[in-house]
Amino acid sequence: DYLSLNLRRQQQVQEKAAVGAAAAELIADGDAIFLDSSSTALAIAQCLKDRRYLTVVTNGLVVAQELLDAVGVEVMVIGGRLRRDTASLVGTAGLDILRYVNLRRGFFGSHGITLADGLTDVSSDEAELKRSVVEACREVVAVVDRTKWGRVVVASFASARQINTVITDRDAPRAQVDPLRSAGADVILV
């Protein structure tokens, strides 16, 4: 299955680890952040174990589980309907949690990124939840590997103008990266 978290965790492993480590460098003790249910968000979570006074809001069950032993990290899980293939909770029923947390940054994986369509997801349910979280974040950080550039899939959840930063691997196509930079996004190549 295209969406399966286990399958996605096996793809572009080194790139996702590098992107995850670079994203973790943007996260300070005391921050409140959002991590989605992407395999790249899991790579970020793996780098946050030693943080203190960090609050992580997530809809990813595997992300929450990864942070179980991180005693300095408070984990808040957005409730909703269970999507088994992605081990995520979706829908808008659990979004009340966003009223209680000032999210400094949200880290979003996507199945596609373009200047025209922004960040897109193959699941309209996942995109609906991410759209609401994007609105709640002071900064939006896209965490994508080179295979996502130039792709547009089912549902957009963040426009190019809403993206503050993109962290991607060095092999990302310049023909796609440069226009997004020109539109104002800070693109970090790792």
Protein backbone atom coordinates (compact mmCIF):
# COMPACT_ATOMS: atom_id res chain seq x y z
CA ASP A 1 0.00 0.00 0.00
CA TYR A 2 1.31 3.41 -1.05
CA LEU A 3 0.31 5.02 2.24
CA SER A 4 1.65 2.35 4.57
CA LEU A 5 3.91 3.84 7.22
CA ASN A 6 6.05 0.70 7.31
CA LEU A 7 6.63 0.95 3.57
CA ARG A 8 7.42 4.67 3.71
CA ARG A 9 9.89 4.14 6.58
CA GLN A 10 11.94 1.94 4.24
CA GLN A 11 12.22 4.57 1.48
CA GLN A 12 14.92 7.29 1.30
CA VAL A 13 16.07 6.27 4.79
CA GLN A 14 19.36 8.22 4.80
CA GLU A 15 17.74 11.35 3.36
CA LYS A 16 14.96 11.26 5.95
CA ALA A 17 17.48 10.81 8.77
CA ALA A 18 19.48 13.83 7.54
CA VAL A 19 16.34 15.94 7.11
CA GLY A 20 15.13 14.85 10.57
CA ALA A 21 18.43 15.81 12.21
CA ALA A 22 18.44 19.22 10.49
CA ALA A 23 14.83 19.84 11.55
CA ALA A 24 15.66 18.92 15.15
CA GLU A 25 18.32 21.66 15.13
CA LEU A 26 15.51 24.21 14.71
CA ILE A 27 13.80 22.98 17.89
CA ALA A 28 14.83 24.49 21.22
CA ASP A 29 14.10 23.43 24.79
CA GLY A 30 10.82 25.02 25.82
CA ASP A 31 9.29 25.05 22.33
CA ALA A 32 5.85 23.76 21.43
CA ILE A 33 5.85 22.08 18.02
CA PHE A 34 3.67 19.94 15.79
CA LEU A 35 4.94 16.73 14.20
CA ASP A 36 2.63 15.03 11.72
CA SER A 37 2.34 11.29 11.14
CA SER A 38 4.94 11.16 8.34
CA SER A 39 7.97 8.91 8.35
CA THR A 40 10.11 12.06 8.27
CA ALA A 41 8.38 13.35 11.42
CA LEU A 42 9.36 10.07 13.05
CA ALA A 43 12.98 10.77 12.06
CA ILE A 44 12.68 14.18 13.78
CA ALA A 45 11.18 12.63 16.93
CA GLN A 46 14.14 10.24 17.15
CA CYS A 47 16.41 13.30 17.54
CA LEU A 48 14.39 14.92 20.35
CA LYS A 49 14.84 12.41 23.17
CA ASP A 50 17.16 14.61 25.26
CA ARG A 51 15.10 17.82 25.00
CA ARG A 52 13.68 19.54 28.06
CA TYR A 53 10.38 21.34 28.51
CA LEU A 54 9.48 20.52 24.91
CA THR A 55 5.82 20.05 23.98
CA VAL A 56 5.10 17.93 20.92
CA VAL A 57 1.60 17.91 19.47
CA THR A 58 1.07 15.07 16.99
CA ASN A 59 -1.56 13.03 15.20
CA GLY A 60 0.97 10.24 14.64
CA LEU A 61 0.72 7.26 16.97
CA VAL A 62 4.22 6.08 16.07
CA VAL A 63 5.62 9.56 16.75
CA ALA A 64 3.92 9.57 20.17
CA GLN A 65 5.22 6.08 20.90
CA GLU A 66 8.75 7.10 19.87
CA LEU A 67 8.67 9.83 22.53
CA LEU A 68 7.36 7.60 25.36
CA ASP A 69 10.79 7.42 27.01
CA ALA A 70 11.68 11.09 26.46
CA VAL A 71 11.00 12.35 29.98
CA GLY A 72 11.61 16.03 29.12
CA VAL A 73 9.06 15.98 26.31
CA GLU A 74 5.34 16.42 26.91
CA VAL A 75 3.36 14.68 24.18
CA MET A 76 -0.16 15.78 23.26
CA VAL A 77 -2.02 13.60 20.75
CA ILE A 78 -4.71 15.09 18.53
CA GLY A 79 -7.68 12.75 18.74
CA GLY A 80 -9.77 11.58 15.85
CA ARG A 81 -10.54 8.66 13.61
CA LEU A 82 -7.84 5.97 13.35
CA ARG A 83 -6.16 5.43 9.97
CA ARG A 84 -4.47 2.08 10.40
CA ASP A 85 -2.22 2.23 7.31
CA THR A 86 -0.55 5.43 8.47
CA ALA A 87 -0.98 4.85 12.22
CA SER A 88 -2.50 8.30 12.47
CA LEU A 89 -5.57 10.01 13.84
CA VAL A 90 -7.50 12.19 11.38
CA GLY A 91 -10.58 14.35 11.26
CA THR A 92 -11.32 17.65 12.94
CA ALA A 93 -12.98 16.34 16.11
CA GLY A 94 -9.76 16.46 18.13
CA LEU A 95 -8.55 19.90 17.05
CA ASP A 96 -9.69 21.64 20.26
CA ILE A 97 -6.25 20.80 21.64
CA LEU A 98 -4.82 23.53 19.38
CA ARG A 99 -6.54 26.21 21.48
CA TYR A 100 -4.36 25.32 24.47
CA VAL A 101 -0.93 25.37 22.84
CA ASN A 102 1.02 28.12 21.07
CA LEU A 103 2.74 26.17 18.33
CA ARG A 104 6.03 27.79 17.39
CA ARG A 105 6.67 25.51 14.44
CA GLY A 106 4.87 22.75 12.62
CA PHE A 107 6.86 20.13 10.75
CA PHE A 108 4.98 18.64 7.82
CA GLY A 109 5.87 15.80 5.51
CA SER A 110 4.04 15.67 2.21
CA HIS A 111 3.64 13.49 -0.83
CA GLY A 112 4.17 16.48 -3.12
CA ILE A 113 5.52 20.04 -3.14
CA THR A 114 5.20 22.62 -5.91
CA LEU A 115 5.06 26.39 -6.12
CA ALA A 116 1.56 26.32 -7.61
CA ASP A 117 -0.04 23.78 -5.26
CA GLY A 118 2.14 24.03 -2.14
CA LEU A 119 2.16 20.93 0.04
CA THR A 120 -0.14 18.06 -0.96
CA ASP A 121 -1.15 14.76 0.58
CA VAL A 122 -2.66 11.60 -0.89
CA SER A 123 -5.27 11.50 1.88
CA SER A 124 -7.94 14.21 1.97
CA ASP A 125 -8.57 13.30 5.65
CA GLU A 126 -4.91 13.86 6.53
CA ALA A 127 -4.83 17.08 4.49
CA GLU A 128 -7.94 18.40 6.26
CA LEU A 129 -6.29 17.95 9.67
CA LYS A 130 -2.96 19.40 8.48
CA ARG A 131 -4.73 22.45 6.99
CA SER A 132 -6.11 23.33 10.44
CA VAL A 133 -2.74 22.78 12.11
CA VAL A 134 -0.94 24.93 9.51
CA GLU A 135 -3.26 27.80 10.49
CA ALA A 136 -2.33 27.31 14.17
CA CYS A 137 1.46 27.35 13.65
CA ARG A 138 3.58 30.50 13.70
CA GLU A 139 6.00 28.83 11.28
CA VAL A 140 5.44 26.05 8.77
CA VAL A 141 8.39 23.79 7.99
CA ALA A 142 8.11 21.31 5.12
CA VAL A 143 10.32 18.23 5.55
CA VAL A 144 10.57 16.45 2.21
CA ASP A 145 13.08 14.41 0.26
CA ARG A 146 13.91 14.93 -3.42
CA THR A 147 11.21 12.49 -4.63
CA LYS A 148 8.41 14.85 -3.49
CA TRP A 149 9.44 17.91 -5.53
CA GLY A 150 7.31 18.67 -8.58
CA ARG A 151 4.60 16.21 -7.54
CA VAL A 152 0.97 17.14 -6.95
CA VAL A 153 -1.36 14.64 -5.34
CA VAL A 154 -5.00 14.65 -4.19
CA ALA A 155 -5.30 17.40 -1.57
CA SER A 156 -3.39 20.62 -0.81
CA PHE A 157 -2.90 21.54 2.84
CA ALA A 158 -0.48 24.49 2.73
CA SER A 159 0.06 27.04 -0.02
CA ALA A 160 3.59 28.01 -1.06
CA ARG A 161 3.17 31.39 0.67
CA GLN A 162 2.38 29.62 3.96
CA ILE A 163 5.66 27.67 3.89
CA ASN A 164 8.39 29.44 5.87
CA THR A 165 11.11 26.78 5.56
CA VAL A 166 11.74 23.65 3.53
CA ILE A 167 14.31 21.09 4.67
CA THR A 168 15.22 18.69 1.91
CA ASP A 169 18.13 16.64 0.62
CA ARG A 170 20.91 18.04 -1.58
CA ASP A 171 19.60 16.26 -4.66
CA ALA A 172 16.33 18.22 -4.71
CA PRO A 173 15.75 19.56 -8.24
CA ARG A 174 16.93 23.18 -8.56
CA ALA A 175 14.20 23.85 -11.14
CA GLN A 176 11.67 23.26 -8.35
CA VAL A 177 13.68 24.62 -5.40
CA ASP A 178 14.65 28.01 -6.88
CA PRO A 179 11.08 29.25 -7.56
CA LEU A 180 10.04 28.36 -4.01
CA ARG A 181 13.06 30.27 -2.67
CA SER A 182 12.13 33.23 -4.84
CA ALA A 183 8.62 33.11 -3.36
CA GLY A 184 10.14 33.61 0.09
CA ALA A 185 10.70 30.16 1.56
CA ASP A 186 14.01 29.42 3.22
CA VAL A 187 15.23 26.16 1.64
CA ILE A 188 17.79 24.19 3.64
CA LEU A 189 19.65 21.48 1.73
CA VAL A 190 21.15 18.65 3.80
